[in-house]
Amino acid sequence: MSAIEVEHIAKSFGAQCAVSDVSFTVEPGEIFGLLGPNGAGKTTSIRIILDIFKPDAGRVAVLGGPMNEAKKARIGYLPEERGLYQDQRLDRVLVYLATLKGLSTTEAQRRIGSWLERFDLASHSKKKIKELSKGMQQKAQLISTLVHQPALVIIDEPFSALDPVNTQMVKDLLREERDRGTVVVMCTHQMHQVEELCDRLVLIHQGQAMLYGALNDIRRRYAGHAVNVRALADLPADIPGVAAITKNNGDTRLDLLPGATPQAVLQDLVTRGLPLEMFEIAMPTLDEIFIQVVKGQEAAA
């Protein structure tokens, strides 16, 4: 049974179409990426999944069926906008939000104490929310999202305002949640974060799903006929089977001629005695794939 099933959803606000015929599923045991540029329709799709917005068309099933109040208690949602009570103390806000998810006050205080220690917020627990930095507030929202041990976590731009150390800590936390059995949906425009964390993804652009599937399958689908090489000496200009040589920040990209194979190129370089540090099939980044897909859509239009 899929954790989330989205079938042909559409949503407009007046004359503005936010989502148009988007479909995807999220499976148990994965971190799923819902990605696209700002204004693509990601947040609207999330709000439809959470039953905040009703779709104009289509169907959504969450944790086996339609959304209800019992299921909402099993979901952790981190919105992009900060929604904590600015004039209240951090510890009181977190305990209050945890009780809304069904925890007793005593249990909420116990769990939150552990989370505050983990996120280096224990010494700030008596401060008002407005006295905390943006990064601290983001960590506080993450605590409120996870404290009740939800079965499904939906996080919208989870790394906003976090420094590199805290970004890595959150990445490790999301992997832990996945390994614990939590379904994680990560909504972001930062495609390099999706490449690092997500098992599968859907890429939305102008309200439409442009890419959908396993990350590695998508990258292979859009991979060109090229290899990346890092050598300790200059590459020869006459490598058989190579159409073009492009240097890029210490590495070199070799675009291959039709019919040439990476194995043959590698054999040639080894035979010449060239010292190699790296030789790998050139796989496109999600940014490169997105640009390629969007340009193809614009050309078709």
C-alpha atoms as a PDB file:
ATOM      1  CA  MET A   1       0.000   0.000   0.000  1.00  0.00           C
ATOM      2  CA  SER A   2       1.372   3.398  -0.983  1.00  0.00           C
ATOM      3  CA  ALA A   3       1.710   6.005   1.757  1.00  0.00           C
ATOM      4  CA  ILE A   4       0.432   8.720  -0.591  1.00  0.00           C
ATOM      5  CA  GLU A   5      -1.466   8.347  -3.868  1.00  0.00           C
ATOM      6  CA  VAL A   6      -2.013  11.452  -5.979  1.00  0.00           C
ATOM      7  CA  GLU A   7      -4.088  10.951  -9.118  1.00  0.00           C
ATOM      8  CA  HIS A   8      -4.576  13.717 -11.695  1.00  0.00           C
ATOM      9  CA  ILE A   9      -5.032  16.568  -9.231  1.00  0.00           C
ATOM     10  CA  ALA A  10      -5.717  20.086 -10.471  1.00  0.00           C
ATOM     11  CA  LYS A  11      -6.205  23.365  -8.629  1.00  0.00           C
ATOM     12  CA  SER A  12      -6.792  26.914  -9.809  1.00  0.00           C
ATOM     13  CA  PHE A  13      -7.171  30.194  -7.941  1.00  0.00           C
ATOM     14  CA  GLY A  14      -9.291  32.387 -10.136  1.00  0.00           C
ATOM     15  CA  ALA A  15      -7.609  32.554 -13.535  1.00  0.00           C
ATOM     16  CA  GLN A  16      -4.303  31.259 -12.109  1.00  0.00           C
ATOM     17  CA  CYS A  17      -3.721  27.516 -12.567  1.00  0.00           C
ATOM     18  CA  ALA A  18      -1.479  26.346  -9.722  1.00  0.00           C
ATOM     19  CA  VAL A  19      -1.551  22.583 -10.399  1.00  0.00           C
ATOM     20  CA  SER A  20      -2.621  20.808 -13.572  1.00  0.00           C
ATOM     21  CA  ASP A  21      -3.069  17.020 -13.840  1.00  0.00           C
ATOM     22  CA  VAL A  22      -0.310  15.970 -11.396  1.00  0.00           C
ATOM     23  CA  SER A  23       0.024  12.300 -10.415  1.00  0.00           C
ATOM     24  CA  PHE A  24       2.551  10.408  -8.269  1.00  0.00           C
ATOM     25  CA  THR A  25       2.815   7.927  -5.410  1.00  0.00           C
ATOM     26  CA  VAL A  26       5.000   7.889  -2.315  1.00  0.00           C
ATOM     27  CA  GLU A  27       6.008   4.454  -1.084  1.00  0.00           C
ATOM     28  CA  PRO A  28       6.862   3.221   2.435  1.00  0.00           C
ATOM     29  CA  GLY A  29      10.515   3.340   3.389  1.00  0.00           C
ATOM     30  CA  GLU A  30      11.634   6.165   1.134  1.00  0.00           C
ATOM     31  CA  ILE A  31      12.536   9.823   1.107  1.00  0.00           C
ATOM     32  CA  PHE A  32      10.539  11.269  -1.745  1.00  0.00           C
ATOM     33  CA  GLY A  33      11.430  14.548  -3.393  1.00  0.00           C
ATOM     34  CA  LEU A  34       8.718  16.978  -4.493  1.00  0.00           C
ATOM     35  CA  LEU A  35      10.789  19.551  -6.297  1.00  0.00           C
ATOM     36  CA  GLY A  36      10.673  22.429  -8.706  1.00  0.00           C
ATOM     37  CA  PRO A  37      11.360  26.171  -8.844  1.00  0.00           C
ATOM     38  CA  ASN A  38       9.519  28.665  -6.667  1.00  0.00           C
ATOM     39  CA  GLY A  39       5.921  29.034  -7.826  1.00  0.00           C
ATOM     40  CA  ALA A  40       5.884  25.650  -9.561  1.00  0.00           C
ATOM     41  CA  GLY A  41       2.909  24.271  -7.606  1.00  0.00           C
ATOM     42  CA  LYS A  42       4.762  22.257  -4.944  1.00  0.00           C
ATOM     43  CA  THR A  43       3.197  23.869  -1.884  1.00  0.00           C
ATOM     44  CA  THR A  44      -0.274  23.783  -3.439  1.00  0.00           C
ATOM     45  CA  SER A  45       0.166  20.048  -4.046  1.00  0.00           C
ATOM     46  CA  ILE A  46       1.190  19.534  -0.410  1.00  0.00           C
ATOM     47  CA  ARG A  47      -1.818  21.473   0.853  1.00  0.00           C
ATOM     48  CA  ILE A  48      -4.096  19.326  -1.284  1.00  0.00           C
ATOM     49  CA  ILE A  49      -2.488  16.170   0.142  1.00  0.00           C
ATOM     50  CA  LEU A  50      -3.016  17.500   3.675  1.00  0.00           C
ATOM     51  CA  ASP A  51      -6.651  18.414   2.917  1.00  0.00           C
ATOM     52  CA  ILE A  52      -5.969  22.117   3.495  1.00  0.00           C
ATOM     53  CA  PHE A  53      -7.068  22.779  -0.088  1.00  0.00           C
ATOM     54  CA  LYS A  54      -9.693  20.792  -1.948  1.00  0.00           C
ATOM     55  CA  PRO A  55      -8.639  19.887  -5.506  1.00  0.00           C
ATOM     56  CA  ASP A  56     -10.755  21.046  -8.421  1.00  0.00           C
ATOM     57  CA  ALA A  57     -10.190  17.622  -9.958  1.00  0.00           C
ATOM     58  CA  GLY A  58      -8.426  14.399  -9.104  1.00  0.00           C
ATOM     59  CA  ARG A  59      -8.069  12.165  -6.070  1.00  0.00           C
ATOM     60  CA  VAL A  60      -5.703  11.865  -3.100  1.00  0.00           C
ATOM     61  CA  ALA A  61      -5.272   8.957  -0.674  1.00  0.00           C
ATOM     62  CA  VAL A  62      -3.072   9.239   2.435  1.00  0.00           C
ATOM     63  CA  LEU A  63      -2.067   6.270   4.597  1.00  0.00           C
ATOM     64  CA  GLY A  64      -4.564   4.029   2.861  1.00  0.00           C
ATOM     65  CA  GLY A  65      -7.527   6.292   2.165  1.00  0.00           C
ATOM     66  CA  PRO A  66      -9.052   9.769   2.496  1.00  0.00           C
ATOM     67  CA  MET A  67      -7.639  12.181   5.063  1.00  0.00           C
ATOM     68  CA  ASN A  68      -9.324  12.294   8.470  1.00  0.00           C
ATOM     69  CA  GLU A  69      -8.574  13.716  11.916  1.00  0.00           C
ATOM     70  CA  ALA A  70      -6.990  10.481  13.179  1.00  0.00           C
ATOM     71  CA  LYS A  71      -4.536  10.483  10.290  1.00  0.00           C
ATOM     72  CA  LYS A  72      -3.607  14.112  10.883  1.00  0.00           C
ATOM     73  CA  ALA A  73      -2.269  13.075  14.295  1.00  0.00           C
ATOM     74  CA  ARG A  74       0.077  10.632  12.498  1.00  0.00           C
ATOM     75  CA  ILE A  75       1.500  13.289  10.192  1.00  0.00           C
ATOM     76  CA  GLY A  76       4.269  15.779  10.822  1.00  0.00           C
ATOM     77  CA  TYR A  77       4.161  18.876   8.615  1.00  0.00           C
ATOM     78  CA  LEU A  78       6.868  21.510   8.409  1.00  0.00           C
ATOM     79  CA  PRO A  79       5.599  24.462   6.364  1.00  0.00           C
ATOM     80  CA  GLU A  80       7.994  26.823   4.645  1.00  0.00           C
ATOM     81  CA  GLU A  81       6.559  29.777   6.556  1.00  0.00           C
ATOM     82  CA  ARG A  82       7.440  29.937  10.245  1.00  0.00           C
ATOM     83  CA  GLY A  83       4.282  29.567  12.296  1.00  0.00           C
ATOM     84  CA  LEU A  84       5.468  29.567  15.911  1.00  0.00           C
ATOM     85  CA  TYR A  85       4.010  31.923  18.518  1.00  0.00           C
ATOM     86  CA  GLN A  86       6.580  34.720  18.585  1.00  0.00           C
ATOM     87  CA  ASP A  87       5.765  36.145  22.042  1.00  0.00           C
ATOM     88  CA  GLN A  88       5.798  32.785  23.838  1.00  0.00           C
ATOM     89  CA  ARG A  89       8.680  30.816  25.331  1.00  0.00           C
ATOM     90  CA  LEU A  90      10.236  28.117  23.173  1.00  0.00           C
ATOM     91  CA  ASP A  91       9.642  25.267  25.628  1.00  0.00           C
ATOM     92  CA  ARG A  92       5.987  26.204  26.190  1.00  0.00           C
ATOM     93  CA  VAL A  93       5.282  26.483  22.473  1.00  0.00           C
ATOM     94  CA  LEU A  94       6.825  23.086  21.723  1.00  0.00           C
ATOM     95  CA  VAL A  95       4.974  21.364  24.561  1.00  0.00           C
ATOM     96  CA  TYR A  96       1.677  22.927  23.484  1.00  0.00           C
ATOM     97  CA  LEU A  97       2.116  21.834  19.866  1.00  0.00           C
ATOM     98  CA  ALA A  98       3.065  18.314  20.982  1.00  0.00           C
ATOM     99  CA  THR A  99      -0.116  18.008  23.053  1.00  0.00           C
ATOM    100  CA  LEU A 100      -2.130  18.924  19.954  1.00  0.00           C
ATOM    101  CA  LYS A 101      -0.700  15.750  18.402  1.00  0.00           C
ATOM    102  CA  GLY A 102      -1.924  13.602  21.286  1.00  0.00           C
ATOM    103  CA  LEU A 103       1.024  13.558  23.703  1.00  0.00           C
ATOM    104  CA  SER A 104       0.478  14.124  27.403  1.00  0.00           C
ATOM    105  CA  THR A 105       2.181  17.174  28.878  1.00  0.00           C
ATOM    106  CA  THR A 106       4.592  14.973  30.826  1.00  0.00           C
ATOM    107  CA  GLU A 107       5.553  12.906  27.775  1.00  0.00           C
ATOM    108  CA  ALA A 108       5.835  16.021  25.635  1.00  0.00           C
ATOM    109  CA  GLN A 109       8.214  17.645  28.133  1.00  0.00           C
ATOM    110  CA  ARG A 110      10.351  14.493  28.278  1.00  0.00           C
ATOM    111  CA  ARG A 111      10.685  14.142  24.516  1.00  0.00           C
ATOM    112  CA  ILE A 112      11.208  17.845  23.902  1.00  0.00           C
ATOM    113  CA  GLY A 113      14.004  17.953  26.456  1.00  0.00           C
ATOM    114  CA  SER A 114      15.886  15.333  24.447  1.00  0.00           C
ATOM    115  CA  TRP A 115      15.242  17.146  21.174  1.00  0.00           C
ATOM    116  CA  LEU A 116      16.401  20.486  22.582  1.00  0.00           C
ATOM    117  CA  GLU A 117      19.665  18.875  23.661  1.00  0.00           C
ATOM    118  CA  ARG A 118      20.170  17.296  20.256  1.00  0.00           C
ATOM    119  CA  PHE A 119      19.565  20.581  18.447  1.00  0.00           C
ATOM    120  CA  ASP A 120      21.698  22.644  20.882  1.00  0.00           C
ATOM    121  CA  LEU A 121      18.647  24.612  21.970  1.00  0.00           C
ATOM    122  CA  ALA A 122      18.438  23.594  25.645  1.00  0.00           C
ATOM    123  CA  SER A 123      20.093  26.786  26.843  1.00  0.00           C
ATOM    124  CA  HIS A 124      17.572  28.821  24.834  1.00  0.00           C
ATOM    125  CA  SER A 125      14.418  27.007  25.972  1.00  0.00           C
ATOM    126  CA  LYS A 126      13.208  29.873  28.194  1.00  0.00           C
ATOM    127  CA  LYS A 127      13.605  32.498  25.474  1.00  0.00           C
ATOM    128  CA  LYS A 128      10.703  33.841  23.493  1.00  0.00           C
ATOM    129  CA  ILE A 129      10.512  32.606  19.912  1.00  0.00           C
ATOM    130  CA  LYS A 130      11.128  36.109  18.548  1.00  0.00           C
ATOM    131  CA  GLU A 131      14.429  36.232  20.441  1.00  0.00           C
ATOM    132  CA  LEU A 132      15.787  33.232  18.542  1.00  0.00           C
ATOM    133  CA  SER A 133      17.725  33.399  15.294  1.00  0.00           C
ATOM    134  CA  LYS A 134      16.089  32.233  12.081  1.00  0.00           C
ATOM    135  CA  GLY A 135      18.144  29.052  12.176  1.00  0.00           C
ATOM    136  CA  MET A 136      17.061  28.327  15.754  1.00  0.00           C
ATOM    137  CA  GLN A 137      13.430  28.883  14.825  1.00  0.00           C
ATOM    138  CA  GLN A 138      13.811  26.464  11.927  1.00  0.00           C
ATOM    139  CA  LYS A 139      15.209  23.819  14.278  1.00  0.00           C
ATOM    140  CA  ALA A 140      12.349  24.455  16.690  1.00  0.00           C
ATOM    141  CA  GLN A 141       9.848  23.853  13.900  1.00  0.00           C
ATOM    142  CA  LEU A 142      11.616  20.611  13.030  1.00  0.00           C
ATOM    143  CA  ILE A 143      11.217  19.496  16.646  1.00  0.00           C
ATOM    144  CA  SER A 144       7.489  20.243  16.569  1.00  0.00           C
ATOM    145  CA  THR A 145       7.236  18.277  13.304  1.00  0.00           C
ATOM    146  CA  LEU A 146       8.916  15.144  14.641  1.00  0.00           C
ATOM    147  CA  VAL A 147       8.292  15.042  18.386  1.00  0.00           C
ATOM    148  CA  HIS A 148       5.161  12.852  18.154  1.00  0.00           C
ATOM    149  CA  GLN A 149       6.979  10.242  16.002  1.00  0.00           C
ATOM    150  CA  PRO A 150       4.720  10.575  12.952  1.00  0.00           C
ATOM    151  CA  ALA A 151       4.252   7.848  10.352  1.00  0.00           C
ATOM    152  CA  LEU A 152       4.423  10.439   7.561  1.00  0.00           C
ATOM    153  CA  VAL A 153       6.571  13.583   7.508  1.00  0.00           C
ATOM    154  CA  ILE A 154       6.091  16.321   4.922  1.00  0.00           C
ATOM    155  CA  ILE A 155       8.707  19.057   5.048  1.00  0.00           C
ATOM    156  CA  ASP A 156       8.702  22.194   2.913  1.00  0.00           C
ATOM    157  CA  GLU A 157      12.210  23.673   2.442  1.00  0.00           C
ATOM    158  CA  PRO A 158      13.673  21.992   5.549  1.00  0.00           C
ATOM    159  CA  PHE A 159      17.142  23.572   5.225  1.00  0.00           C
ATOM    160  CA  SER A 160      15.971  27.188   5.156  1.00  0.00           C
ATOM    161  CA  ALA A 161      18.232  29.447   7.296  1.00  0.00           C
ATOM    162  CA  LEU A 162      20.414  26.542   8.473  1.00  0.00           C
ATOM    163  CA  ASP A 163      24.202  26.738   8.438  1.00  0.00           C
ATOM    164  CA  PRO A 164      26.241  23.821   6.979  1.00  0.00           C
ATOM    165  CA  VAL A 165      26.643  22.059  10.352  1.00  0.00           C
ATOM    166  CA  ASN A 166      22.911  22.117  11.113  1.00  0.00           C
ATOM    167  CA  THR A 167      22.069  21.261   7.499  1.00  0.00           C
ATOM    168  CA  GLN A 168      24.117  18.082   7.814  1.00  0.00           C
ATOM    169  CA  MET A 169      22.487  17.286  11.153  1.00  0.00           C
ATOM    170  CA  VAL A 170      19.029  17.560   9.569  1.00  0.00           C
ATOM    171  CA  LYS A 171      20.101  15.358   6.645  1.00  0.00           C
ATOM    172  CA  ASP A 172      21.266  12.699   9.089  1.00  0.00           C
ATOM    173  CA  LEU A 173      17.989  13.050  10.983  1.00  0.00           C
ATOM    174  CA  LEU A 174      15.892  12.549   7.855  1.00  0.00           C
ATOM    175  CA  ARG A 175      17.856   9.410   6.984  1.00  0.00           C
ATOM    176  CA  GLU A 176      17.281   8.145  10.534  1.00  0.00           C
ATOM    177  CA  GLU A 177      13.553   8.767  10.195  1.00  0.00           C
ATOM    178  CA  ARG A 178      13.471   6.853   6.909  1.00  0.00           C
ATOM    179  CA  ASP A 179      15.401   3.948   8.435  1.00  0.00           C
ATOM    180  CA  ARG A 180      12.958   3.957  11.369  1.00  0.00           C
ATOM    181  CA  GLY A 181      10.131   3.416   8.887  1.00  0.00           C
ATOM    182  CA  THR A 182       8.864   6.985   8.593  1.00  0.00           C
ATOM    183  CA  VAL A 183       7.757   8.089   5.133  1.00  0.00           C
ATOM    184  CA  VAL A 184       9.452  11.403   4.314  1.00  0.00           C
ATOM    185  CA  VAL A 185       8.309  13.824   1.611  1.00  0.00           C
ATOM    186  CA  MET A 186      10.776  16.649   1.045  1.00  0.00           C
ATOM    187  CA  CYS A 187       9.529  19.675  -0.870  1.00  0.00           C
ATOM    188  CA  THR A 188      12.311  21.932  -2.142  1.00  0.00           C
ATOM    189  CA  HIS A 189      13.745  23.931  -5.027  1.00  0.00           C
ATOM    190  CA  GLN A 190      17.286  22.941  -3.987  1.00  0.00           C
ATOM    191  CA  MET A 191      17.899  20.116  -6.409  1.00  0.00           C
ATOM    192  CA  HIS A 192      21.329  19.183  -5.048  1.00  0.00           C
ATOM    193  CA  GLN A 193      19.666  18.341  -1.701  1.00  0.00           C
ATOM    194  CA  VAL A 194      17.276  16.004  -3.519  1.00  0.00           C
ATOM    195  CA  GLU A 195      20.203  14.324  -5.307  1.00  0.00           C
ATOM    196  CA  GLU A 196      21.828  13.620  -1.961  1.00  0.00           C
ATOM    197  CA  LEU A 197      18.779  12.426  -0.015  1.00  0.00           C
ATOM    198  CA  CYS A 198      15.890  11.236  -2.166  1.00  0.00           C
ATOM    199  CA  ASP A 199      15.156   7.757  -3.480  1.00  0.00           C
ATOM    200  CA  ARG A 200      12.484   8.904  -5.943  1.00  0.00           C
ATOM    201  CA  LEU A 201      11.099  12.242  -7.029  1.00  0.00           C
ATOM    202  CA  VAL A 202       8.569  14.189  -9.015  1.00  0.00           C
ATOM    203  CA  LEU A 203       9.644  17.466 -10.606  1.00  0.00           C
ATOM    204  CA  ILE A 204       6.894  20.037 -11.091  1.00  0.00           C
ATOM    205  CA  HIS A 205       7.158  23.021 -13.403  1.00  0.00           C
ATOM    206  CA  GLN A 206       4.338  25.488 -14.051  1.00  0.00           C
ATOM    207  CA  GLY A 207       1.909  23.187 -12.276  1.00  0.00           C
ATOM    208  CA  GLN A 208       2.735  20.079 -14.318  1.00  0.00           C
ATOM    209  CA  ALA A 209       4.767  16.978 -13.483  1.00  0.00           C
ATOM    210  CA  MET A 210       7.788  17.023 -15.802  1.00  0.00           C
ATOM    211  CA  LEU A 211       9.840  14.154 -14.344  1.00  0.00           C
ATOM    212  CA  TYR A 212       8.847  11.255 -12.131  1.00  0.00           C
ATOM    213  CA  GLY A 213      10.637   8.142 -10.945  1.00  0.00           C
ATOM    214  CA  ALA A 214      13.792   6.850  -9.290  1.00  0.00           C
ATOM    215  CA  LEU A 215      16.618   9.394  -9.231  1.00  0.00           C
ATOM    216  CA  ASN A 216      19.194   7.053 -10.804  1.00  0.00           C
ATOM    217  CA  ASP A 217      16.780   6.007 -13.561  1.00  0.00           C
ATOM    218  CA  ILE A 218      16.082   9.644 -14.430  1.00  0.00           C
ATOM    219  CA  ARG A 219      19.779  10.512 -14.539  1.00  0.00           C
ATOM    220  CA  ARG A 220      20.539   7.537 -16.780  1.00  0.00           C
ATOM    221  CA  ARG A 221      17.662   8.504 -19.072  1.00  0.00           C
ATOM    222  CA  TYR A 222      19.148  11.944 -19.645  1.00  0.00           C
ATOM    223  CA  ALA A 223      22.822  11.001 -19.564  1.00  0.00           C
ATOM    224  CA  GLY A 224      24.852  12.013 -22.591  1.00  0.00           C
ATOM    225  CA  HIS A 225      27.570   9.982 -24.304  1.00  0.00           C
ATOM    226  CA  ALA A 226      30.493  11.263 -22.246  1.00  0.00           C
ATOM    227  CA  VAL A 227      32.954  10.503 -19.440  1.00  0.00           C
ATOM    228  CA  ASN A 228      34.588  12.615 -16.750  1.00  0.00           C
ATOM    229  CA  VAL A 229      38.323  12.190 -16.230  1.00  0.00           C
ATOM    230  CA  ARG A 230      40.768  13.529 -13.653  1.00  0.00           C
ATOM    231  CA  ALA A 231      44.400  12.938 -14.598  1.00  0.00           C
ATOM    232  CA  LEU A 232      47.763  13.863 -13.093  1.00  0.00           C
ATOM    233  CA  ALA A 233      49.057  14.847 -16.519  1.00  0.00           C
ATOM    234  CA  ASP A 234      47.669  16.601 -19.569  1.00  0.00           C
ATOM    235  CA  LEU A 235      45.371  14.463 -21.685  1.00  0.00           C
ATOM    236  CA  PRO A 236      46.429  13.854 -25.284  1.00  0.00           C
ATOM    237  CA  ALA A 237      44.427  15.653 -27.937  1.00  0.00           C
ATOM    238  CA  ASP A 238      44.123  12.591 -30.192  1.00  0.00           C
ATOM    239  CA  ILE A 239      42.161  10.102 -28.070  1.00  0.00           C
ATOM    240  CA  PRO A 240      40.381   7.657 -30.398  1.00  0.00           C
ATOM    241  CA  GLY A 241      36.591   7.867 -30.129  1.00  0.00           C
ATOM    242  CA  VAL A 242      36.588  11.309 -28.466  1.00  0.00           C
ATOM    243  CA  ALA A 243      34.729  14.101 -30.245  1.00  0.00           C
ATOM    244  CA  ALA A 244      35.437  16.951 -27.818  1.00  0.00           C
ATOM    245  CA  ILE A 245      37.518  17.649 -24.719  1.00  0.00           C
ATOM    246  CA  THR A 246      36.282  20.194 -22.172  1.00  0.00           C
ATOM    247  CA  LYS A 247      38.120  21.179 -18.993  1.00  0.00           C
ATOM    248  CA  ASN A 248      36.019  22.026 -15.952  1.00  0.00           C
ATOM    249  CA  ASN A 249      37.507  22.971 -12.571  1.00  0.00           C
ATOM    250  CA  GLY A 250      40.289  20.357 -12.543  1.00  0.00           C
ATOM    251  CA  ASP A 251      38.302  17.621 -14.272  1.00  0.00           C
ATOM    252  CA  THR A 252      37.979  16.978 -17.980  1.00  0.00           C
ATOM    253  CA  ARG A 253      34.854  15.944 -19.858  1.00  0.00           C
ATOM    254  CA  LEU A 254      35.316  13.744 -22.904  1.00  0.00           C
ATOM    255  CA  ASP A 255      32.357  13.721 -25.291  1.00  0.00           C
ATOM    256  CA  LEU A 256      32.432  10.470 -27.227  1.00  0.00           C
ATOM    257  CA  LEU A 257      31.714   9.810 -30.874  1.00  0.00           C
ATOM    258  CA  PRO A 258      28.777   7.537 -31.773  1.00  0.00           C
ATOM    259  CA  GLY A 259      29.896   3.942 -31.445  1.00  0.00           C
ATOM    260  CA  ALA A 260      32.766   4.714 -29.083  1.00  0.00           C
ATOM    261  CA  THR A 261      32.665   3.123 -25.628  1.00  0.00           C
ATOM    262  CA  PRO A 262      33.980   4.384 -22.277  1.00  0.00           C
ATOM    263  CA  GLN A 263      35.827   1.080 -21.868  1.00  0.00           C
ATOM    264  CA  ALA A 264      37.788   1.630 -25.099  1.00  0.00           C
ATOM    265  CA  VAL A 265      38.709   5.181 -24.097  1.00  0.00           C
ATOM    266  CA  LEU A 266      39.865   4.019 -20.672  1.00  0.00           C
ATOM    267  CA  GLN A 267      41.949   1.250 -22.225  1.00  0.00           C
ATOM    268  CA  ASP A 268      43.632   3.771 -24.529  1.00  0.00           C
ATOM    269  CA  LEU A 269      44.521   6.082 -21.665  1.00  0.00           C
ATOM    270  CA  VAL A 270      45.861   3.226 -19.532  1.00  0.00           C
ATOM    271  CA  THR A 271      47.908   1.889 -22.456  1.00  0.00           C
ATOM    272  CA  ARG A 272      49.526   5.290 -22.833  1.00  0.00           C
ATOM    273  CA  GLY A 273      50.515   5.162 -19.175  1.00  0.00           C
ATOM    274  CA  LEU A 274      48.467   8.220 -18.229  1.00  0.00           C
ATOM    275  CA  PRO A 275      48.084   8.473 -14.413  1.00  0.00           C
ATOM    276  CA  LEU A 276      44.353   8.704 -13.625  1.00  0.00           C
ATOM    277  CA  GLU A 277      42.692   9.737 -10.385  1.00  0.00           C
ATOM    278  CA  MET A 278      39.132   9.426 -11.696  1.00  0.00           C
ATOM    279  CA  PHE A 279      37.307   7.978 -14.685  1.00  0.00           C
ATOM    280  CA  GLU A 280      33.511   7.828 -14.605  1.00  0.00           C
ATOM    281  CA  ILE A 281      30.459   7.980 -16.828  1.00  0.00           C
ATOM    282  CA  ALA A 282      29.254  11.585 -16.961  1.00  0.00           C
ATOM    283  CA  MET A 283      25.843  11.734 -15.285  1.00  0.00           C
ATOM    284  CA  PRO A 284      23.819  14.956 -15.483  1.00  0.00           C
ATOM    285  CA  THR A 285      22.772  16.842 -12.378  1.00  0.00           C
ATOM    286  CA  LEU A 286      19.099  17.458 -11.692  1.00  0.00           C
ATOM    287  CA  ASP A 287      19.686  21.129 -12.506  1.00  0.00           C
ATOM    288  CA  GLU A 288      21.009  20.154 -15.939  1.00  0.00           C
ATOM    289  CA  ILE A 289      18.128  17.729 -16.504  1.00  0.00           C
ATOM    290  CA  PHE A 290      15.575  20.328 -15.463  1.00  0.00           C
ATOM    291  CA  ILE A 291      17.019  22.897 -17.873  1.00  0.00           C
ATOM    292  CA  GLN A 292      16.966  20.311 -20.649  1.00  0.00           C
ATOM    293  CA  VAL A 293      13.345  19.347 -19.935  1.00  0.00           C
ATOM    294  CA  VAL A 294      12.130  22.952 -19.688  1.00  0.00           C
ATOM    295  CA  LYS A 295      13.875  23.959 -22.892  1.00  0.00           C
ATOM    296  CA  GLY A 296      12.327  20.959 -24.626  1.00  0.00           C
ATOM    297  CA  GLN A 297       8.878  21.967 -23.352  1.00  0.00           C
ATOM    298  CA  GLU A 298       9.361  25.545 -24.526  1.00  0.00           C
ATOM    299  CA  ALA A 299      10.559  24.379 -27.943  1.00  0.00           C
ATOM    300  CA  ALA A 300       7.534  22.109 -28.282  1.00  0.00           C
ATOM    301  CA  ALA A 301       5.235  24.969 -27.321  1.00  0.00           C
END
